[in-house]
């Protein structure tokens, strides 16, 4: 798990489901064959795949991306591709 990720590498279901995989509404009521969109799924897609700041990593969207320092310091180095 990556603690910096609010999703901990778990992709939310597209539709709301209970622990048995049955369709539910936002209050946890069973809905039968009616699928209710999961707002967390849209949030996940916006952050990790479709938003302007996503990291473009389809294999593991929780892996961090290198952020270059805005003020380089003497003796502090970073690597584009760490060993």
PDB file of N, CA and C in Angstrom:
ATOM      1  N   UNK A   1       0.836  -1.186   0.000  1.00  0.00           N
ATOM      2  CA  UNK A   1       0.000   0.000   0.000  1.00  0.00           C
ATOM      3  C   UNK A   1       0.877   1.245   0.000  1.00  0.00           C
ATOM      4  N   UNK A   2       0.375   2.273  -0.602  1.00  0.00           N
ATOM      5  CA  UNK A   2       1.058   3.551  -0.618  1.00  0.00           C
ATOM      6  C   UNK A   2       0.248   4.529   0.217  1.00  0.00           C
ATOM      7  N   UNK A   3       0.838   4.997   1.306  1.00  0.00           N
ATOM      8  CA  UNK A   3       0.088   5.831   2.231  1.00  0.00           C
ATOM      9  C   UNK A   3      -0.292   7.184   1.647  1.00  0.00           C
ATOM     10  N   UNK A   4       0.413   7.624   0.584  1.00  0.00           N
ATOM     11  CA  UNK A   4       0.074   8.922  -0.002  1.00  0.00           C
ATOM     12  C   UNK A   4      -1.176   8.840  -0.878  1.00  0.00           C
ATOM     13  N   UNK A   5      -1.660   7.651  -1.125  1.00  0.00           N
ATOM     14  CA  UNK A   5      -2.832   7.478  -1.976  1.00  0.00           C
ATOM     15  C   UNK A   5      -4.065   7.225  -1.125  1.00  0.00           C
ATOM     16  N   UNK A   6      -5.095   8.015  -1.339  1.00  0.00           N
ATOM     17  CA  UNK A   6      -6.322   7.805  -0.577  1.00  0.00           C
ATOM     18  C   UNK A   6      -7.031   6.525  -1.015  1.00  0.00           C
ATOM     19  N   UNK A   7      -6.606   5.931  -2.123  1.00  0.00           N
ATOM     20  CA  UNK A   7      -7.237   4.715  -2.621  1.00  0.00           C
ATOM     21  C   UNK A   7      -6.462   3.455  -2.268  1.00  0.00           C
ATOM     22  N   UNK A   8      -5.237   3.561  -1.794  1.00  0.00           N
ATOM     23  CA  UNK A   8      -4.412   2.418  -1.432  1.00  0.00           C
ATOM     24  C   UNK A   8      -4.405   1.357  -2.526  1.00  0.00           C
ATOM     25  N   UNK A   9      -4.249   1.787  -3.769  1.00  0.00           N
ATOM     26  CA  UNK A   9      -4.147   0.927  -4.943  1.00  0.00           C
ATOM     27  C   UNK A   9      -5.420   0.151  -5.232  1.00  0.00           C
ATOM     28  N   UNK A  10      -6.507   0.472  -4.603  1.00  0.00           N
ATOM     29  CA  UNK A  10      -7.771  -0.219  -4.848  1.00  0.00           C
ATOM     30  C   UNK A  10      -8.659   0.661  -5.716  1.00  0.00           C
ATOM     31  N   UNK A  11      -8.983   0.182  -6.913  1.00  0.00           N
ATOM     32  CA  UNK A  11      -9.834   0.954  -7.817  1.00  0.00           C
ATOM     33  C   UNK A  11     -11.289   0.754  -7.411  1.00  0.00           C
ATOM     34  N   UNK A  12     -12.020   1.838  -7.177  1.00  0.00           N
ATOM     35  CA  UNK A  12     -13.431   1.705  -6.780  1.00  0.00           C
ATOM     36  C   UNK A  12     -14.268   1.094  -7.902  1.00  0.00           C
ATOM     37  N   UNK A  13     -15.340   0.390  -7.517  1.00  0.00           N
ATOM     38  CA  UNK A  13     -16.283  -0.130  -8.512  1.00  0.00           C
ATOM     39  C   UNK A  13     -16.942   1.033  -9.245  1.00  0.00           C
ATOM     40  N   UNK A  14     -17.311   0.809 -10.510  1.00  0.00           N
ATOM     41  CA  UNK A  14     -18.000   1.841 -11.283  1.00  0.00           C
ATOM     42  C   UNK A  14     -19.390   2.114 -10.709  1.00  0.00           C
ATOM     43  N   UNK A  15     -20.023   1.072 -10.183  1.00  0.00           N
ATOM     44  CA  UNK A  15     -21.350   1.202  -9.587  1.00  0.00           C
ATOM     45  C   UNK A  15     -21.268   0.824  -8.113  1.00  0.00           C
ATOM     46  N   UNK A  16     -22.146   1.389  -7.303  1.00  0.00           N
ATOM     47  CA  UNK A  16     -22.151   1.094  -5.868  1.00  0.00           C
ATOM     48  C   UNK A  16     -22.530  -0.362  -5.632  1.00  0.00           C
ATOM     49  N   UNK A  17     -21.737  -1.062  -4.816  1.00  0.00           N
ATOM     50  CA  UNK A  17     -21.961  -2.479  -4.501  1.00  0.00           C
ATOM     51  C   UNK A  17     -21.773  -2.683  -3.004  1.00  0.00           C
ATOM     52  N   UNK A  18     -22.473  -3.680  -2.454  1.00  0.00           N
ATOM     53  CA  UNK A  18     -22.233  -4.029  -1.056  1.00  0.00           C
ATOM     54  C   UNK A  18     -21.116  -5.070  -0.994  1.00  0.00           C
ATOM     55  N   UNK A  19     -20.823  -5.568   0.199  1.00  0.00           N
ATOM     56  CA  UNK A  19     -19.715  -6.515   0.365  1.00  0.00           C
ATOM     57  C   UNK A  19     -19.968  -7.862  -0.316  1.00  0.00           C
ATOM     58  N   UNK A  20     -21.207  -8.111  -0.745  1.00  0.00           N
ATOM     59  CA  UNK A  20     -21.544  -9.342  -1.463  1.00  0.00           C
ATOM     60  C   UNK A  20     -21.617  -9.128  -2.972  1.00  0.00           C
ATOM     61  N   UNK A  21     -21.319  -7.900  -3.435  1.00  0.00           N
ATOM     62  CA  UNK A  21     -21.352  -7.602  -4.858  1.00  0.00           C
ATOM     63  C   UNK A  21     -22.722  -7.247  -5.394  1.00  0.00           C
ATOM     64  N   UNK A  22     -23.690  -7.014  -4.508  1.00  0.00           N
ATOM     65  CA  UNK A  22     -25.047  -6.659  -4.934  1.00  0.00           C
ATOM     66  C   UNK A  22     -25.156  -5.151  -5.125  1.00  0.00           C
ATOM     67  N   UNK A  23     -25.999  -4.737  -6.072  1.00  0.00           N
ATOM     68  CA  UNK A  23     -26.206  -3.311  -6.337  1.00  0.00           C
ATOM     69  C   UNK A  23     -26.900  -2.637  -5.159  1.00  0.00           C
ATOM     70  N   UNK A  24     -26.386  -1.456  -4.777  1.00  0.00           N
ATOM     71  CA  UNK A  24     -26.989  -0.682  -3.692  1.00  0.00           C
ATOM     72  C   UNK A  24     -27.065   0.786  -4.094  1.00  0.00           C
ATOM     73  N   UNK A  25     -27.849   1.567  -3.335  1.00  0.00           N
ATOM     74  CA  UNK A  25     -27.884   3.013  -3.550  1.00  0.00           C
ATOM     75  C   UNK A  25     -26.943   3.680  -2.544  1.00  0.00           C
ATOM     76  N   UNK A  26     -26.903   5.015  -2.547  1.00  0.00           N
ATOM     77  CA  UNK A  26     -25.957   5.731  -1.688  1.00  0.00           C
ATOM     78  C   UNK A  26     -26.237   5.538  -0.199  1.00  0.00           C
ATOM     79  N   UNK A  27     -27.444   5.074   0.143  1.00  0.00           N
ATOM     80  CA  UNK A  27     -27.796   4.818   1.540  1.00  0.00           C
ATOM     81  C   UNK A  27     -27.585   3.359   1.944  1.00  0.00           C
ATOM     82  N   UNK A  28     -27.098   2.534   1.011  1.00  0.00           N
ATOM     83  CA  UNK A  28     -26.849   1.129   1.304  1.00  0.00           C
ATOM     84  C   UNK A  28     -28.035   0.219   1.073  1.00  0.00           C
ATOM     85  N   UNK A  29     -29.120   0.745   0.498  1.00  0.00           N
ATOM     86  CA  UNK A  29     -30.314  -0.060   0.212  1.00  0.00           C
ATOM     87  C   UNK A  29     -30.113  -0.861  -1.070  1.00  0.00           C
ATOM     88  N   UNK A  30     -30.535  -2.117  -1.073  1.00  0.00           N
ATOM     89  CA  UNK A  30     -30.437  -2.947  -2.275  1.00  0.00           C
ATOM     90  C   UNK A  30     -31.312  -2.366  -3.378  1.00  0.00           C
ATOM     91  N   UNK A  31     -30.803  -2.384  -4.621  1.00  0.00           N
ATOM     92  CA  UNK A  31     -31.541  -1.806  -5.748  1.00  0.00           C
ATOM     93  C   UNK A  31     -31.881  -2.826  -6.822  1.00  0.00           C
ATOM     94  N   UNK A  32     -31.616  -4.095  -6.585  1.00  0.00           N
ATOM     95  CA  UNK A  32     -31.916  -5.115  -7.589  1.00  0.00           C
ATOM     96  C   UNK A  32     -31.018  -4.968  -8.803  1.00  0.00           C
ATOM     97  N   UNK A  33     -31.632  -4.837  -9.995  1.00  0.00           N
ATOM     98  CA  UNK A  33     -30.859  -4.705 -11.233  1.00  0.00           C
ATOM     99  C   UNK A  33     -30.486  -3.264 -11.557  1.00  0.00           C
ATOM    100  N   UNK A  34     -30.909  -2.318 -10.739  1.00  0.00           N
ATOM    101  CA  UNK A  34     -30.606  -0.904 -10.991  1.00  0.00           C
ATOM    102  C   UNK A  34     -29.194  -0.596 -10.498  1.00  0.00           C
ATOM    103  N   UNK A  35     -28.341  -0.130 -11.424  1.00  0.00           N
ATOM    104  CA  UNK A  35     -26.967   0.217 -11.071  1.00  0.00           C
ATOM    105  C   UNK A  35     -26.878   1.708 -10.783  1.00  0.00           C
ATOM    106  N   UNK A  36     -26.304   2.064  -9.639  1.00  0.00           N
ATOM    107  CA  UNK A  36     -26.149   3.458  -9.229  1.00  0.00           C
ATOM    108  C   UNK A  36     -24.672   3.821  -9.362  1.00  0.00           C
ATOM    109  N   UNK A  37     -24.385   4.905 -10.092  1.00  0.00           N
ATOM    110  CA  UNK A  37     -22.996   5.330 -10.280  1.00  0.00           C
ATOM    111  C   UNK A  37     -22.310   5.593  -8.948  1.00  0.00           C
ATOM    112  N   UNK A  38     -21.057   5.172  -8.854  1.00  0.00           N
ATOM    113  CA  UNK A  38     -20.254   5.366  -7.656  1.00  0.00           C
ATOM    114  C   UNK A  38     -19.485   6.683  -7.790  1.00  0.00           C
ATOM    115  N   UNK A  39     -19.747   7.688  -6.931  1.00  0.00           N
ATOM    116  CA  UNK A  39     -19.046   8.968  -7.049  1.00  0.00           C
ATOM    117  C   UNK A  39     -17.543   8.830  -6.814  1.00  0.00           C
ATOM    118  N   UNK A  40     -17.115   7.817  -6.066  1.00  0.00           N
ATOM    119  CA  UNK A  40     -15.686   7.614  -5.826  1.00  0.00           C
ATOM    120  C   UNK A  40     -14.981   7.121  -7.086  1.00  0.00           C
ATOM    121  N   UNK A  41     -15.703   6.412  -7.944  1.00  0.00           N
ATOM    122  CA  UNK A  41     -15.120   5.946  -9.203  1.00  0.00           C
ATOM    123  C   UNK A  41     -14.786   7.139 -10.094  1.00  0.00           C
ATOM    124  N   UNK A  42     -15.716   8.078 -10.211  1.00  0.00           N
ATOM    125  CA  UNK A  42     -15.472   9.277 -11.019  1.00  0.00           C
ATOM    126  C   UNK A  42     -14.311  10.076 -10.445  1.00  0.00           C
ATOM    127  N   UNK A  43     -14.268  10.221  -9.129  1.00  0.00           N
ATOM    128  CA  UNK A  43     -13.176  10.937  -8.470  1.00  0.00           C
ATOM    129  C   UNK A  43     -11.838  10.261  -8.774  1.00  0.00           C
ATOM    130  N   UNK A  44     -11.806   8.933  -8.705  1.00  0.00           N
ATOM    131  CA  UNK A  44     -10.598   8.168  -9.005  1.00  0.00           C
ATOM    132  C   UNK A  44     -10.157   8.393 -10.449  1.00  0.00           C
ATOM    133  N   UNK A  45     -11.101   8.284 -11.390  1.00  0.00           N
ATOM    134  CA  UNK A  45     -10.773   8.480 -12.811  1.00  0.00           C
ATOM    135  C   UNK A  45     -10.244   9.890 -13.061  1.00  0.00           C
ATOM    136  N   UNK A  46     -10.871  10.888 -12.443  1.00  0.00           N
ATOM    137  CA  UNK A  46     -10.430  12.271 -12.630  1.00  0.00           C
ATOM    138  C   UNK A  46      -9.011  12.477 -12.112  1.00  0.00           C
ATOM    139  N   UNK A  47      -8.690  11.898 -10.975  1.00  0.00           N
ATOM    140  CA  UNK A  47      -7.366  12.092 -10.379  1.00  0.00           C
ATOM    141  C   UNK A  47      -6.275  11.303 -11.079  1.00  0.00           C
ATOM    142  N   UNK A  48      -6.558  10.044 -11.431  1.00  0.00           N
ATOM    143  CA  UNK A  48      -5.492   9.156 -11.877  1.00  0.00           C
ATOM    144  C   UNK A  48      -5.435   8.898 -13.379  1.00  0.00           C
ATOM    145  N   UNK A  49      -6.504   9.206 -14.127  1.00  0.00           N
ATOM    146  CA  UNK A  49      -6.477   8.893 -15.550  1.00  0.00           C
ATOM    147  C   UNK A  49      -6.881  10.046 -16.456  1.00  0.00           C
ATOM    148  N   UNK A  50      -7.884  10.817 -16.099  1.00  0.00           N
ATOM    149  CA  UNK A  50      -8.431  11.805 -17.022  1.00  0.00           C
ATOM    150  C   UNK A  50      -8.152  13.246 -16.632  1.00  0.00           C
ATOM    151  N   UNK A  51      -7.795  13.502 -15.413  1.00  0.00           N
ATOM    152  CA  UNK A  51      -7.573  14.865 -14.944  1.00  0.00           C
ATOM    153  C   UNK A  51      -6.276  15.455 -15.470  1.00  0.00           C
ATOM    154  N   UNK A  52      -6.106  16.766 -15.323  1.00  0.00           N
ATOM    155  CA  UNK A  52      -4.912  17.430 -15.846  1.00  0.00           C
ATOM    156  C   UNK A  52      -3.639  17.051 -15.098  1.00  0.00           C
ATOM    157  N   UNK A  53      -3.744  16.506 -13.896  1.00  0.00           N
ATOM    158  CA  UNK A  53      -2.559  16.201 -13.099  1.00  0.00           C
ATOM    159  C   UNK A  53      -2.337  14.713 -12.879  1.00  0.00           C
ATOM    160  N   UNK A  54      -2.995  13.869 -13.664  1.00  0.00           N
ATOM    161  CA  UNK A  54      -2.809  12.432 -13.471  1.00  0.00           C
ATOM    162  C   UNK A  54      -1.383  12.040 -13.839  1.00  0.00           C
ATOM    163  N   UNK A  55      -0.946  10.899 -13.352  1.00  0.00           N
ATOM    164  CA  UNK A  55       0.456  10.510 -13.561  1.00  0.00           C
ATOM    165  C   UNK A  55       0.681   9.585 -14.749  1.00  0.00           C
ATOM    166  N   UNK A  56      -0.336   9.311 -15.517  1.00  0.00           N
ATOM    167  CA  UNK A  56      -0.217   8.550 -16.767  1.00  0.00           C
ATOM    168  C   UNK A  56       0.393   7.163 -16.571  1.00  0.00           C
ATOM    169  N   UNK A  57       0.124   6.531 -15.472  1.00  0.00           N
ATOM    170  CA  UNK A  57       0.643   5.198 -15.212  1.00  0.00           C
ATOM    171  C   UNK A  57      -0.536   4.237 -15.110  1.00  0.00           C
ATOM    172  N   UNK A  58      -0.773   3.441 -16.155  1.00  0.00           N
ATOM    173  CA  UNK A  58      -1.913   2.529 -16.180  1.00  0.00           C
ATOM    174  C   UNK A  58      -1.678   1.256 -15.369  1.00  0.00           C
ATOM    175  N   UNK A  59      -0.417   0.864 -15.174  1.00  0.00           N
ATOM    176  CA  UNK A  59      -0.118  -0.371 -14.473  1.00  0.00           C
ATOM    177  C   UNK A  59      -0.408  -0.261 -12.987  1.00  0.00           C
ATOM    178  N   UNK A  60       0.088   0.794 -12.369  1.00  0.00           N
ATOM    179  CA  UNK A  60      -0.147   1.028 -10.940  1.00  0.00           C
ATOM    180  C   UNK A  60      -0.307   2.526 -10.737  1.00  0.00           C
ATOM    181  N   UNK A  61      -1.536   3.021 -10.752  1.00  0.00           N
ATOM    182  CA  UNK A  61      -1.749   4.461 -10.676  1.00  0.00           C
ATOM    183  C   UNK A  61      -1.343   5.099  -9.360  1.00  0.00           C
ATOM    184  N   UNK A  62      -0.928   4.318  -8.387  1.00  0.00           N
ATOM    185  CA  UNK A  62      -0.512   4.892  -7.112  1.00  0.00           C
ATOM    186  C   UNK A  62       0.976   5.192  -7.042  1.00  0.00           C
ATOM    187  N   UNK A  63       1.751   4.706  -8.003  1.00  0.00           N
ATOM    188  CA  UNK A  63       3.188   4.949  -7.966  1.00  0.00           C
ATOM    189  C   UNK A  63       3.445   6.444  -8.131  1.00  0.00           C
ATOM    190  N   UNK A  64       4.279   7.015  -7.270  1.00  0.00           N
ATOM    191  CA  UNK A  64       4.533   8.454  -7.349  1.00  0.00           C
ATOM    192  C   UNK A  64       5.329   8.837  -8.589  1.00  0.00           C
ATOM    193  N   UNK A  65       5.213  10.073  -8.969  1.00  0.00           N
ATOM    194  CA  UNK A  65       5.916  10.629 -10.115  1.00  0.00           C
ATOM    195  C   UNK A  65       6.979  11.591  -9.601  1.00  0.00           C
ATOM    196  N   UNK A  66       8.152  11.607 -10.237  1.00  0.00           N
ATOM    197  CA  UNK A  66       9.228  12.506  -9.847  1.00  0.00           C
ATOM    198  C   UNK A  66       8.785  13.955  -9.977  1.00  0.00           C
ATOM    199  N   UNK A  67       8.993  14.722  -8.932  1.00  0.00           N
ATOM    200  CA  UNK A  67       8.711  16.154  -8.956  1.00  0.00           C
ATOM    201  C   UNK A  67      10.043  16.864  -8.835  1.00  0.00           C
ATOM    202  N   UNK A  68      10.408  17.608  -9.864  1.00  0.00           N
ATOM    203  CA  UNK A  68      11.685  18.322  -9.842  1.00  0.00           C
ATOM    204  C   UNK A  68      11.621  19.479  -8.845  1.00  0.00           C
ATOM    205  N   UNK A  69      12.701  19.689  -8.096  1.00  0.00           N
ATOM    206  CA  UNK A  69      12.705  20.805  -7.156  1.00  0.00           C
ATOM    207  C   UNK A  69      12.644  22.139  -7.885  1.00  0.00           C
ATOM    208  N   UNK A  70      11.922  23.088  -7.301  1.00  0.00           N
ATOM    209  CA  UNK A  70      11.833  24.409  -7.924  1.00  0.00           C
ATOM    210  C   UNK A  70      13.037  25.269  -7.585  1.00  0.00           C
ATOM    211  N   UNK A  71      13.687  24.977  -6.464  1.00  0.00           N
ATOM    212  CA  UNK A  71      14.882  25.718  -6.064  1.00  0.00           C
ATOM    213  C   UNK A  71      16.005  24.715  -5.803  1.00  0.00           C
ATOM    214  N   UNK A  72      16.838  24.440  -6.811  1.00  0.00           N
ATOM    215  CA  UNK A  72      17.936  23.491  -6.611  1.00  0.00           C
ATOM    216  C   UNK A  72      18.868  23.959  -5.484  1.00  0.00           C
ATOM    217  N   UNK A  73      19.302  23.007  -4.665  1.00  0.00           N
ATOM    218  CA  UNK A  73      20.217  23.317  -3.569  1.00  0.00           C
ATOM    219  C   UNK A  73      21.569  22.699  -3.852  1.00  0.00           C
ATOM    220  N   UNK A  74      22.615  23.331  -3.331  1.00  0.00           N
ATOM    221  CA  UNK A  74      23.970  22.805  -3.483  1.00  0.00           C
ATOM    222  C   UNK A  74      24.064  21.419  -2.846  1.00  0.00           C
ATOM    223  N   UNK A  75      24.596  20.473  -3.577  1.00  0.00           N
ATOM    224  CA  UNK A  75      24.832  19.148  -3.024  1.00  0.00           C
ATOM    225  C   UNK A  75      23.614  18.235  -2.967  1.00  0.00           C
ATOM    226  N   UNK A  76      22.444  18.718  -3.321  1.00  0.00           N
ATOM    227  CA  UNK A  76      21.250  17.877  -3.317  1.00  0.00           C
ATOM    228  C   UNK A  76      20.974  17.459  -4.752  1.00  0.00           C
ATOM    229  N   UNK A  77      20.926  16.154  -4.987  1.00  0.00           N
ATOM    230  CA  UNK A  77      20.740  15.650  -6.345  1.00  0.00           C
ATOM    231  C   UNK A  77      19.539  14.717  -6.396  1.00  0.00           C
ATOM    232  N   UNK A  78      18.947  14.628  -7.540  1.00  0.00           N
ATOM    233  CA  UNK A  78      17.881  13.668  -7.774  1.00  0.00           C
ATOM    234  C   UNK A  78      18.159  12.999  -9.107  1.00  0.00           C
ATOM    235  N   UNK A  79      17.582  11.840  -9.312  1.00  0.00           N
ATOM    236  CA  UNK A  79      17.833  11.074 -10.529  1.00  0.00           C
ATOM    237  C   UNK A  79      16.541  10.893 -11.310  1.00  0.00           C
ATOM    238  N   UNK A  80      16.625  11.065 -12.620  1.00  0.00           N
ATOM    239  CA  UNK A  80      15.464  10.842 -13.487  1.00  0.00           C
ATOM    240  C   UNK A  80      14.996   9.396 -13.388  1.00  0.00           C
ATOM    241  N   UNK A  81      15.945   8.470 -13.393  1.00  0.00           N
ATOM    242  CA  UNK A  81      15.619   7.049 -13.285  1.00  0.00           C
ATOM    243  C   UNK A  81      16.413   6.465 -12.125  1.00  0.00           C
ATOM    244  N   UNK A  82      15.834   6.419 -10.935  1.00  0.00           N
ATOM    245  CA  UNK A  82      16.554   5.893  -9.768  1.00  0.00           C
ATOM    246  C   UNK A  82      16.995   4.450  -9.983  1.00  0.00           C
ATOM    247  N   UNK A  83      18.047   4.076  -9.343  1.00  0.00           N
ATOM    248  CA  UNK A  83      18.608   2.723  -9.486  1.00  0.00           C
ATOM    249  C   UNK A  83      17.829   1.757  -8.662  1.00  0.00           C
TER     250      UNK A  83
END
